């Protein structure tokens, strides 16, 4: 939404929009978190004879989470690089 359109909203509408955006972001975050937990659990936990994690399961889980965060960070960096490149190329096109 452009700045002009959001500034034409009343204060109540702006608060409602902000609240909806925050709920959406929280829902998205919880979905990502849930998928991460499920994936690392499925990959790493396989002994259910104890109520606590075995050292190898705990290590696997830590590596899984670390790998996920590093991969996500790399994807975000690459996306930013590609986005900047597209903006730069878009500005170089005739008629722009």
PDB file of N, CA and C in Angstrom:
ATOM      1  N   UNK A   1       0.849  -1.162   0.000  1.00  0.00           N
ATOM      2  CA  UNK A   1       0.000   0.000   0.000  1.00  0.00           C
ATOM      3  C   UNK A   1       0.895   1.225   0.000  1.00  0.00           C
ATOM      4  N   UNK A   2       0.562   2.197  -0.827  1.00  0.00           N
ATOM      5  CA  UNK A   2       1.388   3.385  -0.931  1.00  0.00           C
ATOM      6  C   UNK A   2       1.202   4.271   0.289  1.00  0.00           C
ATOM      7  N   UNK A   3       2.162   5.184   0.494  1.00  0.00           N
ATOM      8  CA  UNK A   3       2.083   6.097   1.628  1.00  0.00           C
ATOM      9  C   UNK A   3       0.857   6.983   1.519  1.00  0.00           C
ATOM     10  N   UNK A   4       0.496   7.401   0.288  1.00  0.00           N
ATOM     11  CA  UNK A   4      -0.671   8.254   0.103  1.00  0.00           C
ATOM     12  C   UNK A   4      -1.957   7.537   0.505  1.00  0.00           C
ATOM     13  N   UNK A   5      -2.071   6.278   0.153  1.00  0.00           N
ATOM     14  CA  UNK A   5      -3.287   5.529   0.485  1.00  0.00           C
ATOM     15  C   UNK A   5      -3.376   5.266   1.977  1.00  0.00           C
ATOM     16  N   UNK A   6      -2.255   4.936   2.622  1.00  0.00           N
ATOM     17  CA  UNK A   6      -2.312   4.662   4.051  1.00  0.00           C
ATOM     18  C   UNK A   6      -2.557   5.935   4.842  1.00  0.00           C
ATOM     19  N   UNK A   7      -2.093   7.090   4.350  1.00  0.00           N
ATOM     20  CA  UNK A   7      -2.327   8.339   5.067  1.00  0.00           C
ATOM     21  C   UNK A   7      -3.768   8.802   4.906  1.00  0.00           C
ATOM     22  N   UNK A   8      -4.493   8.277   3.919  1.00  0.00           N
ATOM     23  CA  UNK A   8      -5.898   8.641   3.747  1.00  0.00           C
ATOM     24  C   UNK A   8      -6.803   7.818   4.664  1.00  0.00           C
ATOM     25  N   UNK A   9      -6.220   6.852   5.362  1.00  0.00           N
ATOM     26  CA  UNK A   9      -6.994   6.056   6.307  1.00  0.00           C
ATOM     27  C   UNK A   9      -7.148   6.822   7.617  1.00  0.00           C
ATOM     28  N   UNK A  10      -8.254   6.599   8.279  1.00  0.00           N
ATOM     29  CA  UNK A  10      -8.450   7.210   9.595  1.00  0.00           C
ATOM     30  C   UNK A  10      -7.502   6.550  10.594  1.00  0.00           C
ATOM     31  N   UNK A  11      -7.350   7.153  11.745  1.00  0.00           N
ATOM     32  CA  UNK A  11      -6.473   6.588  12.781  1.00  0.00           C
ATOM     33  C   UNK A  11      -6.952   5.193  13.171  1.00  0.00           C
ATOM     34  N   UNK A  12      -8.254   5.008  13.285  1.00  0.00           N
ATOM     35  CA  UNK A  12      -8.813   3.693  13.628  1.00  0.00           C
ATOM     36  C   UNK A  12      -8.493   2.664  12.537  1.00  0.00           C
ATOM     37  N   UNK A  13      -8.636   3.064  11.278  1.00  0.00           N
ATOM     38  CA  UNK A  13      -8.339   2.156  10.164  1.00  0.00           C
ATOM     39  C   UNK A  13      -6.857   1.809  10.128  1.00  0.00           C
ATOM     40  N   UNK A  14      -6.005   2.793  10.416  1.00  0.00           N
ATOM     41  CA  UNK A  14      -4.564   2.533  10.452  1.00  0.00           C
ATOM     42  C   UNK A  14      -4.218   1.551  11.570  1.00  0.00           C
ATOM     43  N   UNK A  15      -4.848   1.705  12.739  1.00  0.00           N
ATOM     44  CA  UNK A  15      -4.610   0.768  13.849  1.00  0.00           C
ATOM     45  C   UNK A  15      -5.089  -0.631  13.478  1.00  0.00           C
ATOM     46  N   UNK A  16      -6.237  -0.712  12.828  1.00  0.00           N
ATOM     47  CA  UNK A  16      -6.777  -2.016  12.408  1.00  0.00           C
ATOM     48  C   UNK A  16      -5.857  -2.672  11.384  1.00  0.00           C
ATOM     49  N   UNK A  17      -5.376  -1.888  10.430  1.00  0.00           N
ATOM     50  CA  UNK A  17      -4.456  -2.411   9.421  1.00  0.00           C
ATOM     51  C   UNK A  17      -3.168  -2.901  10.077  1.00  0.00           C
ATOM     52  N   UNK A  18      -2.629  -2.115  10.998  1.00  0.00           N
ATOM     53  CA  UNK A  18      -1.404  -2.502  11.708  1.00  0.00           C
ATOM     54  C   UNK A  18      -1.625  -3.792  12.495  1.00  0.00           C
ATOM     55  N   UNK A  19      -2.769  -3.883  13.150  1.00  0.00           N
ATOM     56  CA  UNK A  19      -3.092  -5.083  13.919  1.00  0.00           C
ATOM     57  C   UNK A  19      -3.184  -6.313  13.013  1.00  0.00           C
ATOM     58  N   UNK A  20      -3.813  -6.159  11.866  1.00  0.00           N
ATOM     59  CA  UNK A  20      -3.921  -7.280  10.919  1.00  0.00           C
ATOM     60  C   UNK A  20      -2.548  -7.702  10.405  1.00  0.00           C
ATOM     61  N   UNK A  21      -1.700  -6.718  10.094  1.00  0.00           N
ATOM     62  CA  UNK A  21      -0.347  -7.033   9.621  1.00  0.00           C
ATOM     63  C   UNK A  21       0.442  -7.773  10.691  1.00  0.00           C
ATOM     64  N   UNK A  22       0.317  -7.324  11.935  1.00  0.00           N
ATOM     65  CA  UNK A  22       1.031  -7.983  13.035  1.00  0.00           C
ATOM     66  C   UNK A  22       0.540  -9.415  13.226  1.00  0.00           C
ATOM     67  N   UNK A  23      -0.764  -9.627  13.136  1.00  0.00           N
ATOM     68  CA  UNK A  23      -1.297 -10.992  13.261  1.00  0.00           C
ATOM     69  C   UNK A  23      -0.803 -11.875  12.125  1.00  0.00           C
ATOM     70  N   UNK A  24      -0.780 -11.335  10.911  1.00  0.00           N
ATOM     71  CA  UNK A  24      -0.288 -12.099   9.746  1.00  0.00           C
ATOM     72  C   UNK A  24       1.179 -12.460   9.924  1.00  0.00           C
ATOM     73  N   UNK A  25       1.981 -11.505  10.365  1.00  0.00           N
ATOM     74  CA  UNK A  25       3.397 -11.772  10.580  1.00  0.00           C
ATOM     75  C   UNK A  25       3.595 -12.841  11.650  1.00  0.00           C
ATOM     76  N   UNK A  26       2.807 -12.774  12.726  1.00  0.00           N
ATOM     77  CA  UNK A  26       2.927 -13.770  13.788  1.00  0.00           C
ATOM     78  C   UNK A  26       2.516 -15.146  13.271  1.00  0.00           C
ATOM     79  N   UNK A  27       1.444 -15.194  12.496  1.00  0.00           N
ATOM     80  CA  UNK A  27       0.990 -16.469  11.922  1.00  0.00           C
ATOM     81  C   UNK A  27       2.064 -17.048  11.002  1.00  0.00           C
ATOM     82  N   UNK A  28       2.656 -16.205  10.166  1.00  0.00           N
ATOM     83  CA  UNK A  28       3.719 -16.655   9.265  1.00  0.00           C
ATOM     84  C   UNK A  28       4.925 -17.161  10.049  1.00  0.00           C
ATOM     85  N   UNK A  29       5.312 -16.414  11.083  1.00  0.00           N
ATOM     86  CA  UNK A  29       6.450 -16.821  11.913  1.00  0.00           C
ATOM     87  C   UNK A  29       6.175 -18.158  12.574  1.00  0.00           C
ATOM     88  N   UNK A  30       4.981 -18.320  13.132  1.00  0.00           N
ATOM     89  CA  UNK A  30       4.650 -19.571  13.808  1.00  0.00           C
ATOM     90  C   UNK A  30       4.640 -20.744  12.827  1.00  0.00           C
ATOM     91  N   UNK A  31       4.229 -20.504  11.599  1.00  0.00           N
ATOM     92  CA  UNK A  31       4.272 -21.560  10.587  1.00  0.00           C
ATOM     93  C   UNK A  31       5.698 -21.985  10.279  1.00  0.00           C
ATOM     94  N   UNK A  32       6.590 -21.012  10.121  1.00  0.00           N
ATOM     95  CA  UNK A  32       7.998 -21.311   9.863  1.00  0.00           C
ATOM     96  C   UNK A  32       8.597 -22.059  11.055  1.00  0.00           C
ATOM     97  N   UNK A  33       8.317 -21.572  12.250  1.00  0.00           N
ATOM     98  CA  UNK A  33       8.840 -22.202  13.463  1.00  0.00           C
ATOM     99  C   UNK A  33       8.338 -23.639  13.581  1.00  0.00           C
ATOM    100  N   UNK A  34       7.061 -23.842  13.325  1.00  0.00           N
ATOM    101  CA  UNK A  34       6.475 -25.172  13.414  1.00  0.00           C
ATOM    102  C   UNK A  34       7.122 -26.134  12.412  1.00  0.00           C
ATOM    103  N   UNK A  35       7.328 -25.668  11.189  1.00  0.00           N
ATOM    104  CA  UNK A  35       7.970 -26.526  10.172  1.00  0.00           C
ATOM    105  C   UNK A  35       9.410 -26.858  10.566  1.00  0.00           C
ATOM    106  N   UNK A  36      10.118 -25.881  11.130  1.00  0.00           N
ATOM    107  CA  UNK A  36      11.494 -26.120  11.577  1.00  0.00           C
ATOM    108  C   UNK A  36      11.521 -27.172  12.684  1.00  0.00           C
ATOM    109  N   UNK A  37      10.668 -27.016  13.682  1.00  0.00           N
ATOM    110  CA  UNK A  37      10.620 -27.967  14.793  1.00  0.00           C
ATOM    111  C   UNK A  37      10.286 -29.362  14.277  1.00  0.00           C
ATOM    112  N   UNK A  38       9.298 -29.453  13.417  1.00  0.00           N
ATOM    113  CA  UNK A  38       8.884 -30.757  12.899  1.00  0.00           C
ATOM    114  C   UNK A  38       9.996 -31.419  12.092  1.00  0.00           C
ATOM    115  N   UNK A  39      10.646 -30.624  11.253  1.00  0.00           N
ATOM    116  CA  UNK A  39      11.709 -31.187  10.420  1.00  0.00           C
ATOM    117  C   UNK A  39      12.876 -31.691  11.266  1.00  0.00           C
ATOM    118  N   UNK A  40      13.340 -30.854  12.188  1.00  0.00           N
ATOM    119  CA  UNK A  40      14.476 -31.256  13.017  1.00  0.00           C
ATOM    120  C   UNK A  40      14.106 -32.426  13.928  1.00  0.00           C
ATOM    121  N   UNK A  41      12.889 -32.443  14.448  1.00  0.00           N
ATOM    122  CA  UNK A  41      12.440 -33.568  15.265  1.00  0.00           C
ATOM    123  C   UNK A  41      12.433 -34.853  14.443  1.00  0.00           C
ATOM    124  N   UNK A  42      11.841 -34.781  13.261  1.00  0.00           N
ATOM    125  CA  UNK A  42      11.768 -35.970  12.408  1.00  0.00           C
ATOM    126  C   UNK A  42      13.152 -36.484  12.024  1.00  0.00           C
ATOM    127  N   UNK A  43      14.076 -35.558  11.762  1.00  0.00           N
ATOM    128  CA  UNK A  43      15.418 -35.950  11.329  1.00  0.00           C
ATOM    129  C   UNK A  43      16.298 -36.443  12.478  1.00  0.00           C
ATOM    130  N   UNK A  44      16.065 -35.948  13.675  1.00  0.00           N
ATOM    131  CA  UNK A  44      17.040 -36.160  14.756  1.00  0.00           C
ATOM    132  C   UNK A  44      16.568 -37.039  15.915  1.00  0.00           C
ATOM    133  N   UNK A  45      15.307 -37.048  16.200  1.00  0.00           N
ATOM    134  CA  UNK A  45      14.830 -37.762  17.394  1.00  0.00           C
ATOM    135  C   UNK A  45      14.242 -39.102  16.972  1.00  0.00           C
ATOM    136  N   UNK A  46      14.869 -40.173  17.486  1.00  0.00           N
ATOM    137  CA  UNK A  46      14.374 -41.496  17.116  1.00  0.00           C
ATOM    138  C   UNK A  46      14.429 -42.510  18.249  1.00  0.00           C
ATOM    139  N   UNK A  47      14.781 -42.069  19.443  1.00  0.00           N
ATOM    140  CA  UNK A  47      14.780 -42.963  20.597  1.00  0.00           C
ATOM    141  C   UNK A  47      13.759 -42.439  21.599  1.00  0.00           C
ATOM    142  N   UNK A  48      12.689 -43.166  21.772  1.00  0.00           N
ATOM    143  CA  UNK A  48      11.610 -42.724  22.649  1.00  0.00           C
ATOM    144  C   UNK A  48      11.551 -43.523  23.946  1.00  0.00           C
ATOM    145  N   UNK A  49      12.706 -44.102  24.330  1.00  0.00           N
ATOM    146  CA  UNK A  49      12.755 -44.875  25.572  1.00  0.00           C
ATOM    147  C   UNK A  49      13.088 -43.995  26.769  1.00  0.00           C
ATOM    148  N   UNK A  50      13.372 -42.725  26.526  1.00  0.00           N
ATOM    149  CA  UNK A  50      13.713 -41.790  27.593  1.00  0.00           C
ATOM    150  C   UNK A  50      12.931 -40.496  27.402  1.00  0.00           C
ATOM    151  N   UNK A  51      12.667 -39.796  28.503  1.00  0.00           N
ATOM    152  CA  UNK A  51      11.919 -38.544  28.370  1.00  0.00           C
ATOM    153  C   UNK A  51      12.812 -37.370  27.981  1.00  0.00           C
ATOM    154  N   UNK A  52      14.106 -37.568  27.981  1.00  0.00           N
ATOM    155  CA  UNK A  52      15.018 -36.499  27.566  1.00  0.00           C
ATOM    156  C   UNK A  52      15.777 -36.935  26.309  1.00  0.00           C
ATOM    157  N   UNK A  53      16.332 -35.945  25.625  1.00  0.00           N
ATOM    158  CA  UNK A  53      17.088 -36.230  24.405  1.00  0.00           C
ATOM    159  C   UNK A  53      18.422 -36.887  24.743  1.00  0.00           C
ATOM    160  N   UNK A  54      18.818 -37.802  23.901  1.00  0.00           N
ATOM    161  CA  UNK A  54      20.151 -38.365  24.008  1.00  0.00           C
ATOM    162  C   UNK A  54      21.143 -37.306  23.517  1.00  0.00           C
ATOM    163  N   UNK A  55      22.396 -37.366  23.951  1.00  0.00           N
ATOM    164  CA  UNK A  55      23.381 -36.370  23.489  1.00  0.00           C
ATOM    165  C   UNK A  55      23.474 -36.286  21.967  1.00  0.00           C
ATOM    166  N   UNK A  56      23.417 -37.439  21.287  1.00  0.00           N
ATOM    167  CA  UNK A  56      23.511 -37.400  19.814  1.00  0.00           C
ATOM    168  C   UNK A  56      22.276 -36.740  19.206  1.00  0.00           C
ATOM    169  N   UNK A  57      21.100 -36.932  19.810  1.00  0.00           N
ATOM    170  CA  UNK A  57      19.883 -36.292  19.313  1.00  0.00           C
ATOM    171  C   UNK A  57      19.932 -34.783  19.549  1.00  0.00           C
ATOM    172  N   UNK A  58      20.418 -34.407  20.704  1.00  0.00           N
ATOM    173  CA  UNK A  58      20.535 -32.980  21.015  1.00  0.00           C
ATOM    174  C   UNK A  58      21.519 -32.301  20.061  1.00  0.00           C
ATOM    175  N   UNK A  59      22.652 -32.951  19.813  1.00  0.00           N
ATOM    176  CA  UNK A  59      23.639 -32.411  18.871  1.00  0.00           C
ATOM    177  C   UNK A  59      23.073 -32.297  17.469  1.00  0.00           C
ATOM    178  N   UNK A  60      22.364 -33.327  17.057  1.00  0.00           N
ATOM    179  CA  UNK A  60      21.735 -33.319  15.729  1.00  0.00           C
ATOM    180  C   UNK A  60      20.738 -32.179  15.626  1.00  0.00           C
ATOM    181  N   UNK A  61      19.933 -32.003  16.651  1.00  0.00           N
ATOM    182  CA  UNK A  61      18.925 -30.937  16.658  1.00  0.00           C
ATOM    183  C   UNK A  61      19.586 -29.572  16.576  1.00  0.00           C
ATOM    184  N   UNK A  62      20.648 -29.363  17.337  1.00  0.00           N
ATOM    185  CA  UNK A  62      21.359 -28.080  17.312  1.00  0.00           C
ATOM    186  C   UNK A  62      21.947 -27.813  15.921  1.00  0.00           C
ATOM    187  N   UNK A  63      22.528 -28.840  15.311  1.00  0.00           N
ATOM    188  CA  UNK A  63      23.081 -28.686  13.961  1.00  0.00           C
ATOM    189  C   UNK A  63      21.978 -28.404  12.944  1.00  0.00           C
ATOM    190  N   UNK A  64      20.844 -29.068  13.097  1.00  0.00           N
ATOM    191  CA  UNK A  64      19.708 -28.886  12.195  1.00  0.00           C
ATOM    192  C   UNK A  64      19.213 -27.441  12.252  1.00  0.00           C
ATOM    193  N   UNK A  65      19.018 -26.932  13.455  1.00  0.00           N
ATOM    194  CA  UNK A  65      18.536 -25.561  13.622  1.00  0.00           C
ATOM    195  C   UNK A  65      19.573 -24.574  13.089  1.00  0.00           C
ATOM    196  N   UNK A  66      20.838 -24.802  13.411  1.00  0.00           N
ATOM    197  CA  UNK A  66      21.908 -23.917  12.946  1.00  0.00           C
ATOM    198  C   UNK A  66      21.968 -23.902  11.415  1.00  0.00           C
ATOM    199  N   UNK A  67      21.871 -25.077  10.833  1.00  0.00           N
ATOM    200  CA  UNK A  67      21.910 -25.188   9.374  1.00  0.00           C
ATOM    201  C   UNK A  67      20.715 -24.462   8.745  1.00  0.00           C
ATOM    202  N   UNK A  68      19.557 -24.609   9.362  1.00  0.00           N
ATOM    203  CA  UNK A  68      18.355 -23.933   8.855  1.00  0.00           C
ATOM    204  C   UNK A  68      18.548 -22.415   8.894  1.00  0.00           C
ATOM    205  N   UNK A  69      19.027 -21.891  10.022  1.00  0.00           N
ATOM    206  CA  UNK A  69      19.211 -20.444  10.143  1.00  0.00           C
ATOM    207  C   UNK A  69      20.270 -19.925   9.184  1.00  0.00           C
ATOM    208  N   UNK A  70      21.348 -20.665   9.023  1.00  0.00           N
ATOM    209  CA  UNK A  70      22.381 -20.236   8.078  1.00  0.00           C
ATOM    210  C   UNK A  70      21.862 -20.274   6.644  1.00  0.00           C
ATOM    211  N   UNK A  71      21.087 -21.302   6.327  1.00  0.00           N
ATOM    212  CA  UNK A  71      20.507 -21.383   4.988  1.00  0.00           C
ATOM    213  C   UNK A  71      19.519 -20.254   4.733  1.00  0.00           C
ATOM    214  N   UNK A  72      18.701 -19.958   5.728  1.00  0.00           N
ATOM    215  CA  UNK A  72      17.738 -18.868   5.608  1.00  0.00           C
ATOM    216  C   UNK A  72      18.452 -17.538   5.436  1.00  0.00           C
ATOM    217  N   UNK A  73      19.504 -17.331   6.213  1.00  0.00           N
ATOM    218  CA  UNK A  73      20.285 -16.095   6.108  1.00  0.00           C
ATOM    219  C   UNK A  73      20.892 -15.960   4.713  1.00  0.00           C
ATOM    220  N   UNK A  74      21.412 -17.053   4.185  1.00  0.00           N
ATOM    221  CA  UNK A  74      22.011 -17.025   2.844  1.00  0.00           C
ATOM    222  C   UNK A  74      20.958 -16.726   1.786  1.00  0.00           C
ATOM    223  N   UNK A  75      19.797 -17.343   1.914  1.00  0.00           N
ATOM    224  CA  UNK A  75      18.717 -17.087   0.958  1.00  0.00           C
ATOM    225  C   UNK A  75      18.278 -15.621   0.997  1.00  0.00           C
ATOM    226  N   UNK A  76      18.173 -15.065   2.197  1.00  0.00           N
ATOM    227  CA  UNK A  76      17.789 -13.661   2.319  1.00  0.00           C
ATOM    228  C   UNK A  76      18.831 -12.755   1.682  1.00  0.00           C
ATOM    229  N   UNK A  77      20.095 -13.048   1.912  1.00  0.00           N
ATOM    230  CA  UNK A  77      21.176 -12.252   1.322  1.00  0.00           C
ATOM    231  C   UNK A  77      21.124 -12.339  -0.192  1.00  0.00           C
ATOM    232  N   UNK A  78      20.956 -13.543  -0.701  1.00  0.00           N
ATOM    233  CA  UNK A  78      20.904 -13.728  -2.162  1.00  0.00           C
ATOM    234  C   UNK A  78      19.692 -13.027  -2.757  1.00  0.00           C
ATOM    235  N   UNK A  79      18.555 -13.112  -2.082  1.00  0.00           N
ATOM    236  CA  UNK A  79      17.357 -12.434  -2.559  1.00  0.00           C
ATOM    237  C   UNK A  79      17.600 -10.923  -2.625  1.00  0.00           C
ATOM    238  N   UNK A  80      18.231 -10.365  -1.605  1.00  0.00           N
ATOM    239  CA  UNK A  80      18.523  -8.935  -1.598  1.00  0.00           C
ATOM    240  C   UNK A  80      19.464  -8.565  -2.738  1.00  0.00           C
ATOM    241  N   UNK A  81      20.453  -9.421  -3.002  1.00  0.00           N
ATOM    242  CA  UNK A  81      21.381  -9.172  -4.104  1.00  0.00           C
ATOM    243  C   UNK A  81      20.641  -9.176  -5.442  1.00  0.00           C
ATOM    244  N   UNK A  82      19.798 -10.183  -5.645  1.00  0.00           N
ATOM    245  CA  UNK A  82      19.053 -10.278  -6.897  1.00  0.00           C
ATOM    246  C   UNK A  82      18.058  -9.132  -7.041  1.00  0.00           C
ATOM    247  N   UNK A  83      17.419  -8.755  -5.950  1.00  0.00           N
ATOM    248  CA  UNK A  83      16.477  -7.646  -5.988  1.00  0.00           C
ATOM    249  C   UNK A  83      17.191  -6.350  -6.359  1.00  0.00           C
ATOM    250  N   UNK A  84      18.354  -6.100  -5.764  1.00  0.00           N
ATOM    251  CA  UNK A  84      19.124  -4.898  -6.079  1.00  0.00           C
ATOM    252  C   UNK A  84      19.550  -4.911  -7.548  1.00  0.00           C
ATOM    253  N   UNK A  85      19.938  -6.081  -8.034  1.00  0.00           N
ATOM    254  CA  UNK A  85      20.338  -6.222  -9.432  1.00  0.00           C
ATOM    255  C   UNK A  85      19.161  -5.943 -10.363  1.00  0.00           C
ATOM    256  N   UNK A  86      17.985  -6.445 -10.033  1.00  0.00           N
ATOM    257  CA  UNK A  86      16.804  -6.214 -10.853  1.00  0.00           C
ATOM    258  C   UNK A  86      16.424  -4.735 -10.854  1.00  0.00           C
ATOM    259  N   UNK A  87      16.517  -4.090  -9.709  1.00  0.00           N
ATOM    260  CA  UNK A  87      16.203  -2.659  -9.630  1.00  0.00           C
ATOM    261  C   UNK A  87      17.194  -1.876 -10.482  1.00  0.00           C
ATOM    262  N   UNK A  88      18.469  -2.226 -10.391  1.00  0.00           N
ATOM    263  CA  UNK A  88      19.500  -1.538 -11.163  1.00  0.00           C
ATOM    264  C   UNK A  88      19.262  -1.746 -12.653  1.00  0.00           C
ATOM    265  N   UNK A  89      18.969  -2.955 -13.075  1.00  0.00           N
ATOM    266  CA  UNK A  89      18.710  -3.231 -14.479  1.00  0.00           C
ATOM    267  C   UNK A  89      17.418  -2.551 -14.943  1.00  0.00           C
ATOM    268  N   UNK A  90      16.427  -2.494 -14.081  1.00  0.00           N
ATOM    269  CA  UNK A  90      15.177  -1.836 -14.404  1.00  0.00           C
ATOM    270  C   UNK A  90      15.374  -0.348 -14.637  1.00  0.00           C
ATOM    271  N   UNK A  91      16.276   0.250 -13.875  1.00  0.00           N
ATOM    272  CA  UNK A  91      16.557   1.663 -14.028  1.00  0.00           C
ATOM    273  C   UNK A  91      17.350   1.937 -15.294  1.00  0.00           C
ATOM    274  N   UNK A  92      18.029   0.935 -15.815  1.00  0.00           N
ATOM    275  CA  UNK A  92      18.856   1.115 -17.004  1.00  0.00           C
ATOM    276  C   UNK A  92      18.060   0.891 -18.294  1.00  0.00           C
ATOM    277  N   UNK A  93      16.829   0.394 -18.176  1.00  0.00           N
ATOM    278  CA  UNK A  93      16.017   0.138 -19.360  1.00  0.00           C
ATOM    279  C   UNK A  93      15.539   1.437 -19.991  1.00  0.00           C
ATOM    280  N   UNK A  94      15.455   1.469 -21.334  1.00  0.00           N
ATOM    281  CA  UNK A  94      14.941   2.670 -22.002  1.00  0.00           C
ATOM    282  C   UNK A  94      13.511   2.947 -21.580  1.00  0.00           C
ATOM    283  N   UNK A  95      13.185   4.209 -21.457  1.00  0.00           N
ATOM    284  CA  UNK A  95      11.822   4.600 -21.104  1.00  0.00           C
ATOM    285  C   UNK A  95      11.540   4.568 -19.614  1.00  0.00           C
ATOM    286  N   UNK A  96      12.541   4.317 -18.812  1.00  0.00           N
ATOM    287  CA  UNK A  96      12.352   4.280 -17.350  1.00  0.00           C
ATOM    288  C   UNK A  96      13.078   5.402 -16.708  1.00  0.00           C
TER     289      UNK A  96
END
